[in-house]
Amino acid sequence: MKRLFYRILNPFRTAYRFIFRPKTTGVKCLVEHNGKFLMIRIAYGHKHWTFPGGGVDRGELPEIAAKREVREEVGIEVEKVTPIGEYFNTRHYSKDTVYCFYSKVASDYFSIDNNEVAEARWFSLSEIPAMQSFAVREVLNLYAKRSI
């Protein structure tokens, strides 16, 4: 039911962004386990592979938002997130500042929120799917520039 709600709401969100061009703040989190990175496919919208992430709530720190989004989308409680940079995005008719983080986890266990996430899997850098969100390249470029 919630997934259907997201699918119905998505075109209205796009129309709002087209008309008002809001400034938004988001996060992405590169979650690593044994050299593999956790990627998700969103259950609504573009359905491309991407990294866990989402919007930063009013008054919320980006680091807290990154932890919350990982917990909500894939059920992982990350203890520490390390900032790796940020990028600016004007796709989808808004002006997004996206803060990117890295976290290493001890277990490969995850549990997706079926309302928001259609699928999640671990990929090595060489296995990352071609059908990916533009954000994947942005996050990986920031990751490559940092030594963690």
C-alpha atoms as a PDB file:
ATOM      1  CA  MET A   1       0.000   0.000   0.000  1.00  0.00           C
ATOM      2  CA  LYS A   2       2.790   2.418   0.928  1.00  0.00           C
ATOM      3  CA  ARG A   3       4.686   1.509  -2.269  1.00  0.00           C
ATOM      4  CA  LEU A   4       1.578   2.348  -4.310  1.00  0.00           C
ATOM      5  CA  PHE A   5       1.367   5.678  -2.484  1.00  0.00           C
ATOM      6  CA  TYR A   6       4.987   6.469  -3.443  1.00  0.00           C
ATOM      7  CA  ARG A   7       4.283   5.596  -7.086  1.00  0.00           C
ATOM      8  CA  ILE A   8       1.191   7.799  -7.167  1.00  0.00           C
ATOM      9  CA  LEU A   9       2.907  10.680  -5.363  1.00  0.00           C
ATOM     10  CA  ASN A  10       6.088  10.689  -7.502  1.00  0.00           C
ATOM     11  CA  PRO A  11       4.604  12.510 -10.577  1.00  0.00           C
ATOM     12  CA  PHE A  12       3.150  15.206  -8.299  1.00  0.00           C
ATOM     13  CA  ARG A  13       6.525  15.660  -6.621  1.00  0.00           C
ATOM     14  CA  THR A  14       8.115  16.040 -10.062  1.00  0.00           C
ATOM     15  CA  ALA A  15       5.498  18.632 -11.080  1.00  0.00           C
ATOM     16  CA  TYR A  16       6.088  20.589  -7.852  1.00  0.00           C
ATOM     17  CA  ARG A  17       9.823  20.601  -8.497  1.00  0.00           C
ATOM     18  CA  PHE A  18       9.304  21.681 -12.118  1.00  0.00           C
ATOM     19  CA  ILE A  19       7.154  24.651 -11.086  1.00  0.00           C
ATOM     20  CA  PHE A  20       8.966  25.838  -7.952  1.00  0.00           C
ATOM     21  CA  ARG A  21      12.593  24.624  -8.453  1.00  0.00           C
ATOM     22  CA  PRO A  22      13.190  24.178  -4.697  1.00  0.00           C
ATOM     23  CA  LYS A  23      16.563  24.062  -2.979  1.00  0.00           C
ATOM     24  CA  THR A  24      16.917  20.728  -1.222  1.00  0.00           C
ATOM     25  CA  THR A  25      19.537  18.901   0.798  1.00  0.00           C
ATOM     26  CA  GLY A  26      20.136  15.185   0.459  1.00  0.00           C
ATOM     27  CA  VAL A  27      22.550  12.449   1.441  1.00  0.00           C
ATOM     28  CA  LYS A  28      24.060   9.315  -0.086  1.00  0.00           C
ATOM     29  CA  CYS A  29      25.941   6.694   1.888  1.00  0.00           C
ATOM     30  CA  LEU A  30      28.492   4.320   0.405  1.00  0.00           C
ATOM     31  CA  VAL A  31      28.207   1.247   2.655  1.00  0.00           C
ATOM     32  CA  GLU A  32      31.101  -1.234   2.346  1.00  0.00           C
ATOM     33  CA  HIS A  33      31.525  -4.808   3.541  1.00  0.00           C
ATOM     34  CA  ASN A  34      34.604  -6.852   2.526  1.00  0.00           C
ATOM     35  CA  GLY A  35      35.311  -4.766  -0.576  1.00  0.00           C
ATOM     36  CA  LYS A  36      31.709  -4.778  -1.801  1.00  0.00           C
ATOM     37  CA  PHE A  37      29.279  -1.882  -1.779  1.00  0.00           C
ATOM     38  CA  LEU A  38      25.577  -2.032  -0.994  1.00  0.00           C
ATOM     39  CA  MET A  39      23.351  -0.730  -3.764  1.00  0.00           C
ATOM     40  CA  ILE A  40      19.589  -0.417  -3.941  1.00  0.00           C
ATOM     41  CA  ARG A  41      16.917  -0.067  -6.585  1.00  0.00           C
ATOM     42  CA  ILE A  42      14.131   2.315  -5.552  1.00  0.00           C
ATOM     43  CA  ALA A  43      10.619   0.839  -5.812  1.00  0.00           C
ATOM     44  CA  TYR A  44       9.235   3.963  -7.524  1.00  0.00           C
ATOM     45  CA  GLY A  45      10.607   6.471 -10.008  1.00  0.00           C
ATOM     46  CA  HIS A  46      13.625   5.631 -12.168  1.00  0.00           C
ATOM     47  CA  LYS A  47      14.356   2.159 -10.706  1.00  0.00           C
ATOM     48  CA  HIS A  48      18.077   2.450 -11.471  1.00  0.00           C
ATOM     49  CA  TRP A  49      20.694   1.169  -9.036  1.00  0.00           C
ATOM     50  CA  THR A  50      21.976   3.731  -6.541  1.00  0.00           C
ATOM     51  CA  PHE A  51      23.375   3.987  -3.030  1.00  0.00           C
ATOM     52  CA  PRO A  52      21.156   4.343   0.051  1.00  0.00           C
ATOM     53  CA  GLY A  53      20.192   7.918   0.741  1.00  0.00           C
ATOM     54  CA  GLY A  54      17.474  10.521   0.722  1.00  0.00           C
ATOM     55  CA  GLY A  55      16.438  13.900   2.002  1.00  0.00           C
ATOM     56  CA  VAL A  56      17.726  15.711   5.055  1.00  0.00           C
ATOM     57  CA  ASP A  57      14.891  16.724   7.388  1.00  0.00           C
ATOM     58  CA  ARG A  58      14.656  20.336   8.575  1.00  0.00           C
ATOM     59  CA  GLY A  59      17.091  20.828  11.471  1.00  0.00           C
ATOM     60  CA  GLU A  60      18.744  17.430  10.908  1.00  0.00           C
ATOM     61  CA  LEU A  61      22.502  17.117  10.441  1.00  0.00           C
ATOM     62  CA  PRO A  62      23.532  15.392   7.191  1.00  0.00           C
ATOM     63  CA  GLU A  63      25.496  12.740   9.157  1.00  0.00           C
ATOM     64  CA  ILE A  64      22.364  11.846  11.128  1.00  0.00           C
ATOM     65  CA  ALA A  65      20.290  11.808   7.933  1.00  0.00           C
ATOM     66  CA  ALA A  66      22.755   9.394   6.287  1.00  0.00           C
ATOM     67  CA  LYS A  67      22.516   6.986   9.233  1.00  0.00           C
ATOM     68  CA  ARG A  68      18.713   7.291   9.264  1.00  0.00           C
ATOM     69  CA  GLU A  69      18.362   6.670   5.534  1.00  0.00           C
ATOM     70  CA  VAL A  70      20.576   3.562   5.672  1.00  0.00           C
ATOM     71  CA  ARG A  71      18.532   2.261   8.611  1.00  0.00           C
ATOM     72  CA  GLU A  72      15.195   3.008   6.920  1.00  0.00           C
ATOM     73  CA  GLU A  73      16.076   1.634   3.491  1.00  0.00           C
ATOM     74  CA  VAL A  74      18.202  -1.416   4.287  1.00  0.00           C
ATOM     75  CA  GLY A  75      17.846  -1.981   8.033  1.00  0.00           C
ATOM     76  CA  ILE A  76      21.531  -1.470   8.844  1.00  0.00           C
ATOM     77  CA  GLU A  77      22.557   0.527  11.915  1.00  0.00           C
ATOM     78  CA  VAL A  78      25.789   2.210  10.830  1.00  0.00           C
ATOM     79  CA  GLU A  79      27.824   3.436  13.774  1.00  0.00           C
ATOM     80  CA  LYS A  80      30.172   5.816  12.008  1.00  0.00           C
ATOM     81  CA  VAL A  81      29.818   7.698   8.752  1.00  0.00           C
ATOM     82  CA  THR A  82      32.804   9.487   7.255  1.00  0.00           C
ATOM     83  CA  PRO A  83      32.168  12.498   4.998  1.00  0.00           C
ATOM     84  CA  ILE A  84      33.668  12.029   1.529  1.00  0.00           C
ATOM     85  CA  GLY A  85      32.378  15.208  -0.109  1.00  0.00           C
ATOM     86  CA  GLU A  86      29.322  16.713  -1.705  1.00  0.00           C
ATOM     87  CA  TYR A  87      27.964  17.409  -5.145  1.00  0.00           C
ATOM     88  CA  PHE A  88      25.376  19.766  -6.577  1.00  0.00           C
ATOM     89  CA  ASN A  89      22.553  18.394  -8.694  1.00  0.00           C
ATOM     90  CA  THR A  90      20.031  20.264 -10.843  1.00  0.00           C
ATOM     91  CA  ARG A  91      18.403  17.185 -12.362  1.00  0.00           C
ATOM     92  CA  HIS A  92      14.756  16.501 -11.608  1.00  0.00           C
ATOM     93  CA  TYR A  93      13.973  20.239 -11.509  1.00  0.00           C
ATOM     94  CA  SER A  94      15.402  21.087  -8.116  1.00  0.00           C
ATOM     95  CA  LYS A  95      18.650  22.455  -6.762  1.00  0.00           C
ATOM     96  CA  ASP A  96      20.034  19.657  -4.608  1.00  0.00           C
ATOM     97  CA  THR A  97      23.128  19.724  -2.463  1.00  0.00           C
ATOM     98  CA  VAL A  98      23.957  16.081  -1.765  1.00  0.00           C
ATOM     99  CA  TYR A  99      26.329  15.247   1.092  1.00  0.00           C
ATOM    100  CA  CYS A 100      28.096  11.923   0.629  1.00  0.00           C
ATOM    101  CA  PHE A 101      29.353   9.579   3.326  1.00  0.00           C
ATOM    102  CA  TYR A 102      31.221   6.301   3.653  1.00  0.00           C
ATOM    103  CA  SER A 103      30.631   3.594   6.234  1.00  0.00           C
ATOM    104  CA  LYS A 104      32.227   0.190   6.682  1.00  0.00           C
ATOM    105  CA  VAL A 105      30.055  -2.527   8.254  1.00  0.00           C
ATOM    106  CA  ALA A 106      31.004  -5.852   9.848  1.00  0.00           C
ATOM    107  CA  SER A 107      28.109  -7.892   8.447  1.00  0.00           C
ATOM    108  CA  ASP A 108      26.604  -8.280   4.995  1.00  0.00           C
ATOM    109  CA  TYR A 109      23.107  -8.683   6.451  1.00  0.00           C
ATOM    110  CA  PHE A 110      20.451  -6.217   5.338  1.00  0.00           C
ATOM    111  CA  SER A 111      16.672  -6.076   5.377  1.00  0.00           C
ATOM    112  CA  ILE A 112      15.011  -3.831   2.809  1.00  0.00           C
ATOM    113  CA  ASP A 113      11.957  -1.659   3.288  1.00  0.00           C
ATOM    114  CA  ASN A 114       9.760  -3.131   0.527  1.00  0.00           C
ATOM    115  CA  ASN A 115       7.731   0.068   0.333  1.00  0.00           C
ATOM    116  CA  GLU A 116      10.693   2.167  -0.724  1.00  0.00           C
ATOM    117  CA  VAL A 117      13.275  -0.322  -2.014  1.00  0.00           C
ATOM    118  CA  ALA A 118      12.626  -2.938  -4.712  1.00  0.00           C
ATOM    119  CA  GLU A 119      15.973  -4.711  -4.393  1.00  0.00           C
ATOM    120  CA  ALA A 120      19.370  -4.452  -2.692  1.00  0.00           C
ATOM    121  CA  ARG A 121      22.648  -6.263  -3.362  1.00  0.00           C
ATOM    122  CA  TRP A 122      26.362  -6.080  -2.641  1.00  0.00           C
ATOM    123  CA  PHE A 123      28.619  -5.275  -5.625  1.00  0.00           C
ATOM    124  CA  SER A 124      32.370  -4.974  -6.064  1.00  0.00           C
ATOM    125  CA  LEU A 125      33.478  -1.918  -8.040  1.00  0.00           C
ATOM    126  CA  SER A 126      33.872  -4.054 -11.175  1.00  0.00           C
ATOM    127  CA  GLU A 127      30.366  -5.531 -10.766  1.00  0.00           C
ATOM    128  CA  ILE A 128      28.419  -2.280 -10.406  1.00  0.00           C
ATOM    129  CA  PRO A 129      25.461  -2.484 -12.823  1.00  0.00           C
ATOM    130  CA  ALA A 130      25.362  -0.364 -15.967  1.00  0.00           C
ATOM    131  CA  MET A 131      21.752   0.622 -15.235  1.00  0.00           C
ATOM    132  CA  GLN A 132      22.669   3.088 -12.504  1.00  0.00           C
ATOM    133  CA  SER A 133      21.591   6.468 -11.238  1.00  0.00           C
ATOM    134  CA  PHE A 134      23.758   9.462 -12.149  1.00  0.00           C
ATOM    135  CA  ALA A 135      24.496   9.709  -8.397  1.00  0.00           C
ATOM    136  CA  VAL A 136      26.587   6.524  -8.490  1.00  0.00           C
ATOM    137  CA  ARG A 137      29.309   8.149 -10.597  1.00  0.00           C
ATOM    138  CA  GLU A 138      29.256  11.282  -8.422  1.00  0.00           C
ATOM    139  CA  VAL A 139      29.623   9.303  -5.180  1.00  0.00           C
ATOM    140  CA  LEU A 140      32.326   6.993  -6.553  1.00  0.00           C
ATOM    141  CA  ASN A 141      34.319   9.978  -7.866  1.00  0.00           C
ATOM    142  CA  LEU A 142      34.222  11.562  -4.409  1.00  0.00           C
ATOM    143  CA  TYR A 143      35.195   8.232  -2.831  1.00  0.00           C
ATOM    144  CA  ALA A 144      38.161   7.836  -5.208  1.00  0.00           C
ATOM    145  CA  LYS A 145      39.466  11.310  -4.298  1.00  0.00           C
ATOM    146  CA  ARG A 146      39.497  10.526  -0.559  1.00  0.00           C
ATOM    147  CA  SER A 147      41.720   8.168   1.360  1.00  0.00           C
ATOM    148  CA  ILE A 148      39.676   6.520   4.061  1.00  0.00           C
END
